[in-house]
N, C-alpha and C. Protein backbone atom coordinates (compact mmCIF):
# COMPACT_ATOMS: atom_id res chain seq x y z
N MET A 1 71.87 139.00 271.60
CA MET A 1 72.59 139.58 272.59
C MET A 1 72.30 138.37 273.73
N SER A 2 73.66 138.17 274.06
CA SER A 2 73.45 136.92 275.16
C SER A 2 72.40 137.21 276.42
N ALA A 3 72.14 135.99 276.96
CA ALA A 3 71.48 136.18 278.26
C ALA A 3 72.76 136.82 279.66
N LYS A 4 73.90 136.72 279.04
CA LYS A 4 74.93 137.09 280.18
C LYS A 4 74.70 138.98 280.25
N CYS A 5 73.78 139.16 279.37
CA CYS A 5 73.94 140.36 279.18
C CYS A 5 72.78 141.43 279.36
N LEU A 6 71.82 140.75 279.95
CA LEU A 6 70.46 140.54 280.12
C LEU A 6 70.66 141.01 281.63
N GLN A 7 69.71 141.36 282.91
CA GLN A 7 70.17 141.23 284.13
C GLN A 7 68.31 141.24 284.54
N LYS A 8 68.06 140.89 285.67
CA LYS A 8 66.28 141.38 285.68
C LYS A 8 66.59 142.95 286.90
N ILE A 9 65.36 143.95 286.46
CA ILE A 9 65.55 145.02 286.45
C ILE A 9 64.62 145.15 287.72
N ILE A 10 64.79 145.78 289.01
CA ILE A 10 63.81 145.61 289.64
C ILE A 10 63.28 146.99 290.43
N ALA A 11 62.23 147.71 290.62
CA ALA A 11 62.31 149.06 290.79
C ALA A 11 62.84 149.60 291.87
N LYS A 12 63.28 148.67 292.95
CA LYS A 12 63.90 149.31 294.01
C LYS A 12 65.76 150.01 293.95
N ALA A 13 66.18 148.89 292.94
CA ALA A 13 67.41 149.16 291.84
C ALA A 13 67.68 150.89 291.40
N VAL A 14 66.08 150.79 290.47
CA VAL A 14 65.96 151.94 289.24
C VAL A 14 66.19 152.99 290.08
N ASP A 15 64.92 153.05 291.66
CA ASP A 15 64.60 154.13 292.43
C ASP A 15 65.93 154.49 292.98
N LYS A 16 67.10 153.94 293.73
CA LYS A 16 68.23 153.99 294.30
C LYS A 16 69.32 155.16 293.18
N ASP A 17 68.75 155.20 292.17
CA ASP A 17 69.99 155.55 291.24
C ASP A 17 69.35 157.03 290.61
N LYS A 18 69.63 158.06 291.27
CA LYS A 18 68.80 159.24 291.14
C LYS A 18 69.76 160.27 290.26
N ALA A 19 70.71 159.70 289.92
CA ALA A 19 71.76 160.96 288.62
C ALA A 19 71.35 160.30 287.51
N SER A 20 70.93 159.29 287.01
CA SER A 20 70.97 158.56 285.70
C SER A 20 69.27 158.70 284.83
N ASP A 21 69.38 158.25 283.98
CA ASP A 21 68.01 158.94 283.17
C ASP A 21 68.14 156.61 282.96
N VAL A 22 66.57 156.52 283.10
CA VAL A 22 66.44 155.26 282.92
C VAL A 22 65.59 154.64 281.93
N TYR A 23 65.55 153.95 280.85
CA TYR A 23 64.43 153.81 280.05
C TYR A 23 64.73 152.10 279.92
N ILE A 24 63.30 151.83 280.10
CA ILE A 24 62.54 150.20 280.32
C ILE A 24 62.00 149.90 279.50
N VAL A 25 62.24 149.29 278.12
CA VAL A 25 61.04 149.22 277.03
C VAL A 25 60.51 147.60 276.67
N ALA A 26 59.88 147.11 276.62
CA ALA A 26 59.31 145.81 276.27
C ALA A 26 60.11 145.01 275.24
N LYS A 27 60.13 143.73 275.32
CA LYS A 27 60.92 143.22 273.76
C LYS A 27 60.38 144.02 272.69
N ASP A 28 59.20 143.75 272.33
CA ASP A 28 58.30 144.24 270.95
C ASP A 28 58.67 145.71 270.52
N PHE A 29 59.25 146.74 272.18
CA PHE A 29 59.02 147.61 271.62
C PHE A 29 57.51 149.04 272.01
N SER A 30 56.63 147.86 272.53
CA SER A 30 55.13 148.46 272.61
C SER A 30 54.96 149.49 273.59
N TRP A 31 56.01 149.01 274.36
CA TRP A 31 55.69 150.09 275.21
C TRP A 31 57.19 150.62 276.04
N THR A 32 57.17 151.98 276.58
CA THR A 32 58.38 152.35 276.86
C THR A 32 58.19 153.35 278.32
N TYR A 33 59.00 152.82 279.18
CA TYR A 33 58.61 153.94 280.59
C TYR A 33 60.22 154.61 280.41
N VAL A 34 60.25 155.69 281.22
CA VAL A 34 61.13 156.48 281.31
C VAL A 34 61.29 157.47 282.77
N ARG A 35 62.50 157.33 283.48
CA ARG A 35 62.61 157.96 284.43
C ARG A 35 64.10 159.30 284.48
N THR A 36 63.87 160.52 284.35
CA THR A 36 64.40 161.09 284.36
C THR A 36 65.27 161.59 285.33
N HIS A 37 66.74 162.02 285.65
CA HIS A 37 67.76 161.93 286.57
C HIS A 37 66.90 163.80 287.27
N GLU A 38 66.35 164.24 286.57
CA GLU A 38 65.46 165.40 286.64
C GLU A 38 64.29 165.27 287.90
N GLU A 39 64.25 165.63 289.58
CA GLU A 39 63.42 164.87 290.21
C GLU A 39 62.32 165.91 290.79
N GLY A 40 61.11 165.57 290.18
CA GLY A 40 60.23 166.31 290.76
C GLY A 40 59.91 167.55 289.68
N TRP A 41 60.33 167.44 288.36
CA TRP A 41 59.98 168.27 287.10
C TRP A 41 59.66 167.46 286.09
N CYS A 42 60.47 166.87 286.03
CA CYS A 42 60.42 166.10 284.60
C CYS A 42 59.81 164.58 284.65
N GLY A 43 59.22 163.88 284.43
CA GLY A 43 58.80 162.08 284.26
C GLY A 43 58.63 161.87 285.90
N PRO A 44 58.32 161.00 285.94
CA PRO A 44 58.40 159.76 284.67
C PRO A 44 57.68 159.70 284.08
N TYR A 45 57.52 159.18 282.70
CA TYR A 45 56.83 159.12 281.12
C TYR A 45 56.40 157.51 281.11
N PHE A 46 55.37 157.07 281.07
CA PHE A 46 55.23 156.14 280.30
C PHE A 46 54.31 156.23 278.96
N CYS A 47 54.60 155.00 277.77
CA CYS A 47 54.26 155.23 276.30
C CYS A 47 54.00 153.88 276.20
N ARG A 48 52.65 154.14 275.75
CA ARG A 48 52.36 152.67 275.23
C ARG A 48 51.80 153.01 274.00
N LEU A 49 51.63 152.12 272.27
CA LEU A 49 51.83 152.03 271.38
C LEU A 49 50.55 151.40 270.98
């Protein structure tokens, strides 16, 4: 993947988008953060292997 495709993710930008599911993973997939669009009853979720 080229550097142009990668963008810095900031918490404020993620929190603004309430209509989408957000998946953030480590480069080695050792952890995953998921924030669903269902507010108040599903998530956010964090998993570390």
